[in-house]
Amino acid sequence: MTDKSDPIKCSDDTEQIVINLPCRLVERVKRYGDEHGNTITGVVIEALDALLGGRTVK
């Protein structure tokens, strides 16, 4: 399958987006972040990067 979407053009290194997650998932993400010295944002960024990059967490 070919990606026909336009490339994302950002004027900065980051772009803010808002997503709504189920409270139970947020609780799990927060607990994971607390246990690994990370923030909710950091955990979500790492998880998306791993998923989209094809990596698996061991």
N, C-alpha and C. Protein backbone atom coordinates (compact mmCIF):
# COMPACT_ATOMS: atom_id res chain seq x y z
N MET A 1 0.84 -1.18 0.00
CA MET A 1 0.00 0.00 0.00
C MET A 1 0.88 1.24 0.00
N THR A 2 0.57 2.15 -0.86
CA THR A 2 1.37 3.38 -0.95
C THR A 2 0.73 4.48 -0.14
N ASP A 3 1.59 5.26 0.49
CA ASP A 3 1.12 6.39 1.29
C ASP A 3 0.96 7.58 0.38
N LYS A 4 -0.28 7.99 0.14
CA LYS A 4 -0.55 9.12 -0.75
C LYS A 4 -0.81 10.40 0.01
N SER A 5 -0.59 10.38 1.33
CA SER A 5 -0.83 11.58 2.13
C SER A 5 0.28 12.60 1.91
N ASP A 6 -0.06 13.85 2.10
CA ASP A 6 0.93 14.92 1.98
C ASP A 6 1.87 14.86 3.18
N PRO A 7 3.14 15.16 2.97
CA PRO A 7 4.06 15.19 4.11
C PRO A 7 3.65 16.29 5.08
N ILE A 8 3.86 16.03 6.37
CA ILE A 8 3.53 17.02 7.38
C ILE A 8 4.61 18.08 7.40
N LYS A 9 4.18 19.32 7.35
CA LYS A 9 5.13 20.43 7.36
C LYS A 9 4.94 21.19 8.67
N CYS A 10 5.99 21.17 9.49
CA CYS A 10 5.96 21.88 10.78
C CYS A 10 7.00 22.98 10.76
N SER A 11 6.67 24.09 11.40
CA SER A 11 7.63 25.18 11.49
C SER A 11 8.55 25.00 12.70
N ASP A 12 8.30 23.97 13.52
CA ASP A 12 9.08 23.72 14.72
C ASP A 12 9.38 22.23 14.79
N ASP A 13 10.17 21.81 15.78
CA ASP A 13 10.47 20.39 15.96
C ASP A 13 9.28 19.60 16.47
N THR A 14 8.33 20.28 17.08
CA THR A 14 7.16 19.60 17.64
C THR A 14 5.89 20.28 17.19
N GLU A 15 4.81 19.54 17.30
CA GLU A 15 3.49 20.10 17.02
C GLU A 15 2.53 19.55 18.07
N GLN A 16 1.74 20.41 18.63
CA GLN A 16 0.81 19.99 19.67
C GLN A 16 -0.45 19.42 19.04
N ILE A 17 -0.88 18.25 19.55
CA ILE A 17 -2.16 17.68 19.16
C ILE A 17 -2.91 17.32 20.44
N VAL A 18 -4.20 17.21 20.33
CA VAL A 18 -5.02 16.83 21.48
C VAL A 18 -5.72 15.53 21.14
N ILE A 19 -5.56 14.54 22.01
CA ILE A 19 -6.25 13.27 21.83
C ILE A 19 -6.97 12.92 23.12
N ASN A 20 -8.08 12.26 22.99
CA ASN A 20 -8.84 11.82 24.15
C ASN A 20 -8.63 10.32 24.31
N LEU A 21 -8.17 9.93 25.48
CA LEU A 21 -7.91 8.53 25.78
C LEU A 21 -8.82 8.07 26.90
N PRO A 22 -9.18 6.80 26.91
CA PRO A 22 -9.96 6.29 28.02
C PRO A 22 -9.19 6.46 29.33
N CYS A 23 -9.91 6.80 30.40
CA CYS A 23 -9.27 7.05 31.70
C CYS A 23 -8.43 5.86 32.17
N ARG A 24 -8.91 4.65 31.93
CA ARG A 24 -8.16 3.46 32.36
C ARG A 24 -6.81 3.37 31.64
N LEU A 25 -6.78 3.77 30.37
CA LEU A 25 -5.52 3.75 29.64
C LEU A 25 -4.58 4.83 30.16
N VAL A 26 -5.10 5.99 30.45
CA VAL A 26 -4.28 7.08 31.00
C VAL A 26 -3.68 6.66 32.33
N GLU A 27 -4.46 5.99 33.15
CA GLU A 27 -3.94 5.50 34.44
C GLU A 27 -2.79 4.53 34.23
N ARG A 28 -2.92 3.63 33.26
CA ARG A 28 -1.84 2.68 32.97
C ARG A 28 -0.60 3.40 32.45
N VAL A 29 -0.80 4.38 31.57
CA VAL A 29 0.32 5.13 31.01
C VAL A 29 1.03 5.91 32.12
N LYS A 30 0.26 6.54 32.99
CA LYS A 30 0.86 7.30 34.10
C LYS A 30 1.64 6.38 35.02
N ARG A 31 1.07 5.23 35.37
CA ARG A 31 1.75 4.28 36.25
C ARG A 31 3.05 3.81 35.59
N TYR A 32 3.00 3.48 34.30
CA TYR A 32 4.20 3.04 33.59
C TYR A 32 5.25 4.15 33.59
N GLY A 33 4.83 5.38 33.33
CA GLY A 33 5.76 6.52 33.33
C GLY A 33 6.39 6.73 34.68
N ASP A 34 5.58 6.65 35.73
CA ASP A 34 6.11 6.82 37.09
C ASP A 34 7.15 5.74 37.41
N GLU A 35 6.87 4.51 37.00
CA GLU A 35 7.79 3.40 37.28
C GLU A 35 9.08 3.49 36.48
N HIS A 36 9.05 4.18 35.35
CA HIS A 36 10.22 4.25 34.48
C HIS A 36 10.80 5.66 34.36
N GLY A 37 10.39 6.56 35.26
CA GLY A 37 10.94 7.91 35.26
C GLY A 37 10.60 8.71 34.01
N ASN A 38 9.36 8.60 33.56
CA ASN A 38 8.95 9.28 32.35
C ASN A 38 7.61 9.97 32.58
N THR A 39 7.25 10.88 31.69
CA THR A 39 5.97 11.57 31.76
C THR A 39 4.95 10.85 30.89
N ILE A 40 3.69 11.22 31.04
CA ILE A 40 2.65 10.65 30.17
C ILE A 40 2.99 10.96 28.71
N THR A 41 3.37 12.20 28.45
CA THR A 41 3.72 12.59 27.08
C THR A 41 4.87 11.75 26.55
N GLY A 42 5.90 11.57 27.37
CA GLY A 42 7.06 10.78 26.95
C GLY A 42 6.70 9.34 26.64
N VAL A 43 5.84 8.74 27.48
CA VAL A 43 5.43 7.36 27.25
C VAL A 43 4.65 7.24 25.95
N VAL A 44 3.73 8.17 25.72
CA VAL A 44 2.93 8.13 24.50
C VAL A 44 3.81 8.31 23.26
N ILE A 45 4.76 9.24 23.32
CA ILE A 45 5.67 9.46 22.19
C ILE A 45 6.48 8.21 21.91
N GLU A 46 7.05 7.60 22.95
CA GLU A 46 7.85 6.38 22.77
C GLU A 46 7.01 5.24 22.23
N ALA A 47 5.77 5.11 22.74
CA ALA A 47 4.90 4.02 22.29
C ALA A 47 4.52 4.19 20.82
N LEU A 48 4.18 5.41 20.42
CA LEU A 48 3.84 5.65 19.01
C LEU A 48 5.05 5.44 18.11
N ASP A 49 6.20 5.90 18.55
CA ASP A 49 7.42 5.73 17.77
C ASP A 49 7.73 4.24 17.59
N ALA A 50 7.59 3.47 18.67
CA ALA A 50 7.86 2.03 18.60
C ALA A 50 6.85 1.35 17.68
N LEU A 51 5.58 1.70 17.81
CA LEU A 51 4.54 1.09 16.98
C LEU A 51 4.74 1.41 15.50
N LEU A 52 4.93 2.66 15.22
CA LEU A 52 5.05 3.08 13.82
C LEU A 52 6.40 2.70 13.21
N GLY A 53 7.40 2.53 14.06
CA GLY A 53 8.72 2.14 13.58
C GLY A 53 8.90 0.63 13.49
N GLY A 54 7.89 -0.12 13.93
CA GLY A 54 7.95 -1.57 13.84
C GLY A 54 8.74 -2.22 14.93
N ARG A 55 9.13 -1.46 15.95
CA ARG A 55 9.89 -2.04 17.06
C ARG A 55 8.95 -2.70 18.05
N THR A 56 9.49 -3.62 18.83
CA THR A 56 8.72 -4.21 19.92
C THR A 56 9.43 -3.94 21.23
N VAL A 57 8.66 -3.82 22.28
CA VAL A 57 9.22 -3.57 23.61
C VAL A 57 9.44 -4.90 24.29
N LYS A 58 10.63 -5.09 24.86
CA LYS A 58 10.95 -6.34 25.56
C LYS A 58 11.15 -6.07 27.01
